[in-house]
N, C-alpha and C. Protein backbone atom coordinates (compact mmCIF):
# COMPACT_ATOMS: atom_id res chain seq x y z
N UNK A 1 0.82 -1.19 0.00
CA UNK A 1 0.00 0.00 0.00
C UNK A 1 0.86 1.26 0.00
N UNK A 2 1.89 1.25 0.76
CA UNK A 2 2.77 2.41 0.84
C UNK A 2 3.68 2.51 -0.38
N UNK A 3 4.10 1.37 -0.90
CA UNK A 3 5.02 1.36 -2.04
C UNK A 3 4.42 2.03 -3.27
N UNK A 4 3.18 1.73 -3.66
CA UNK A 4 2.61 2.42 -4.84
C UNK A 4 2.52 3.94 -4.64
N UNK A 5 2.21 4.35 -3.43
CA UNK A 5 2.13 5.77 -3.15
C UNK A 5 3.50 6.42 -3.32
N UNK A 6 4.55 5.78 -2.80
CA UNK A 6 5.89 6.32 -2.94
C UNK A 6 6.33 6.35 -4.40
N UNK A 7 5.99 5.32 -5.17
CA UNK A 7 6.33 5.30 -6.59
C UNK A 7 5.61 6.41 -7.34
N UNK A 8 4.38 6.64 -7.00
CA UNK A 8 3.63 7.71 -7.64
C UNK A 8 4.24 9.07 -7.32
N UNK A 9 4.63 9.27 -6.08
CA UNK A 9 5.27 10.53 -5.69
C UNK A 9 6.61 10.71 -6.40
N UNK A 10 7.39 9.64 -6.50
CA UNK A 10 8.68 9.72 -7.21
C UNK A 10 8.48 10.08 -8.67
N UNK A 11 7.51 9.44 -9.32
CA UNK A 11 7.29 9.72 -10.74
C UNK A 11 6.75 11.14 -10.93
N UNK A 12 5.96 11.62 -10.02
CA UNK A 12 5.43 12.97 -10.10
C UNK A 12 6.54 13.99 -9.90
N UNK A 13 7.46 13.69 -9.01
CA UNK A 13 8.53 14.61 -8.65
C UNK A 13 9.68 14.56 -9.65
N UNK A 14 9.87 13.45 -10.34
CA UNK A 14 11.01 13.24 -11.22
C UNK A 14 10.97 14.17 -12.43
N UNK A 15 12.16 14.44 -12.93
CA UNK A 15 12.33 15.23 -14.15
C UNK A 15 13.02 14.32 -15.14
N UNK A 16 12.57 14.33 -16.39
CA UNK A 16 13.16 13.43 -17.38
C UNK A 16 14.66 13.64 -17.51
N UNK A 17 15.07 14.87 -17.62
CA UNK A 17 16.50 15.18 -17.75
C UNK A 17 16.96 15.84 -16.44
N UNK A 18 17.79 15.16 -15.65
CA UNK A 18 18.22 15.74 -14.38
C UNK A 18 18.92 17.09 -14.53
N UNK A 19 19.51 17.34 -15.69
CA UNK A 19 20.17 18.63 -15.90
C UNK A 19 19.17 19.79 -15.88
N UNK A 20 17.92 19.50 -16.17
CA UNK A 20 16.90 20.56 -16.14
C UNK A 20 16.73 21.13 -14.75
N UNK A 21 17.00 20.34 -13.75
CA UNK A 21 16.89 20.84 -12.39
C UNK A 21 17.99 21.84 -12.08
N UNK A 22 19.15 21.65 -12.70
CA UNK A 22 20.30 22.48 -12.38
C UNK A 22 20.30 23.76 -13.22
N UNK A 23 19.89 23.64 -14.47
CA UNK A 23 19.91 24.81 -15.33
C UNK A 23 18.95 25.87 -14.80
N UNK A 24 19.39 27.08 -14.92
CA UNK A 24 18.57 28.17 -14.44
C UNK A 24 18.88 29.40 -15.26
N UNK A 25 19.05 30.51 -14.60
CA UNK A 25 19.33 31.77 -15.26
C UNK A 25 20.59 31.73 -16.10
N UNK A 26 21.27 32.83 -16.15
CA UNK A 26 22.45 32.95 -16.99
C UNK A 26 23.69 32.31 -16.37
N UNK A 27 23.76 32.29 -15.07
CA UNK A 27 24.96 31.77 -14.40
C UNK A 27 24.74 30.39 -13.82
N UNK A 28 25.81 29.82 -13.29
CA UNK A 28 25.68 28.49 -12.68
C UNK A 28 24.91 28.57 -11.37
N UNK A 29 24.23 27.49 -11.06
CA UNK A 29 23.50 27.41 -9.80
C UNK A 29 24.42 26.87 -8.73
N UNK A 30 24.48 27.56 -7.62
CA UNK A 30 25.29 27.10 -6.49
C UNK A 30 24.37 26.91 -5.30
N UNK A 31 24.69 25.94 -4.51
CA UNK A 31 23.94 25.65 -3.30
C UNK A 31 23.97 26.87 -2.39
N UNK A 32 22.83 27.33 -1.86
CA UNK A 32 22.83 28.50 -0.97
C UNK A 32 23.73 28.33 0.24
N UNK A 33 23.84 27.12 0.76
CA UNK A 33 24.73 26.90 1.90
C UNK A 33 26.17 27.15 1.49
N UNK A 34 26.54 26.71 0.30
CA UNK A 34 27.89 26.94 -0.19
C UNK A 34 28.11 28.43 -0.43
N UNK A 35 27.12 29.10 -1.01
CA UNK A 35 27.25 30.54 -1.26
C UNK A 35 27.47 31.29 0.03
N UNK A 36 26.72 30.95 1.06
CA UNK A 36 26.86 31.61 2.35
C UNK A 36 28.24 31.38 2.94
N UNK A 37 28.73 30.17 2.81
CA UNK A 37 30.05 29.87 3.35
C UNK A 37 31.12 30.63 2.58
N UNK A 38 31.00 30.66 1.26
CA UNK A 38 31.97 31.35 0.44
C UNK A 38 31.96 32.85 0.76
N UNK A 39 30.78 33.41 0.90
CA UNK A 39 30.66 34.83 1.22
C UNK A 39 31.27 35.12 2.59
N UNK A 40 31.00 34.26 3.56
CA UNK A 40 31.54 34.46 4.91
C UNK A 40 33.07 34.35 4.91
N UNK A 41 33.60 33.38 4.18
CA UNK A 41 35.06 33.24 4.11
C UNK A 41 35.70 34.45 3.45
N UNK A 42 35.07 34.93 2.38
CA UNK A 42 35.59 36.11 1.69
C UNK A 42 35.54 37.33 2.60
N UNK A 43 34.44 37.48 3.35
CA UNK A 43 34.30 38.62 4.27
C UNK A 43 35.32 38.53 5.39
N UNK A 44 35.56 37.34 5.93
CA UNK A 44 36.57 37.18 6.97
C UNK A 44 37.96 37.56 6.46
N UNK A 45 38.24 37.19 5.22
CA UNK A 45 39.51 37.57 4.61
C UNK A 45 39.65 39.08 4.49
N UNK A 46 38.57 39.75 4.09
CA UNK A 46 38.59 41.20 3.98
C UNK A 46 38.80 41.85 5.35
N UNK A 47 38.12 41.33 6.36
CA UNK A 47 38.28 41.88 7.71
C UNK A 47 39.69 41.66 8.23
N UNK A 48 40.26 40.51 7.93
CA UNK A 48 41.62 40.22 8.35
C UNK A 48 42.61 41.19 7.70
N UNK A 49 42.43 41.42 6.40
CA UNK A 49 43.29 42.37 5.70
C UNK A 49 43.15 43.77 6.26
N UNK A 50 41.92 44.17 6.58
CA UNK A 50 41.69 45.49 7.15
C UNK A 50 42.34 45.61 8.53
N UNK A 51 42.27 44.55 9.33
CA UNK A 51 42.90 44.57 10.65
C UNK A 51 44.42 44.68 10.53
N UNK A 52 45.00 43.95 9.58
CA UNK A 52 46.45 44.03 9.36
C UNK A 52 46.85 45.43 8.90
N UNK A 53 46.07 46.02 8.03
CA UNK A 53 46.35 47.38 7.55
C UNK A 53 46.27 48.37 8.70
N UNK A 54 45.28 48.20 9.56
CA UNK A 54 45.13 49.08 10.73
C UNK A 54 46.33 48.94 11.66
N UNK A 55 46.80 47.71 11.87
CA UNK A 55 47.97 47.49 12.72
C UNK A 55 49.21 48.15 12.12
N UNK A 56 49.39 48.05 10.81
CA UNK A 56 50.53 48.68 10.16
C UNK A 56 50.48 50.20 10.32
N UNK A 57 49.30 50.78 10.18
CA UNK A 57 49.17 52.22 10.33
C UNK A 57 49.44 52.66 11.76
N UNK A 58 48.93 51.92 12.73
CA UNK A 58 49.12 52.31 14.13
C UNK A 58 50.55 52.07 14.59
N UNK A 59 51.28 51.10 13.99
CA UNK A 59 52.69 50.89 14.30
C UNK A 59 53.54 52.02 13.73
N UNK A 60 53.11 52.62 12.65
CA UNK A 60 53.84 53.71 12.00
C UNK A 60 53.72 55.03 12.74
N UNK A 61 52.72 55.18 13.59
CA UNK A 61 52.52 56.45 14.32
C UNK A 61 53.48 56.63 15.42
């Protein structure tokens, strides 16, 4: 009883060409979790560079 229901849901949810799920706008699709991590890592790098620049300026005074 449960198996036919699951098969029906799978067939309803399935896409003939799996690439159709990935294709989207003009650019590549990236996982939002990955995007957030990449953005956070990039921001941390920027903050680190800014802190180093601040230290260099305050050492020069």
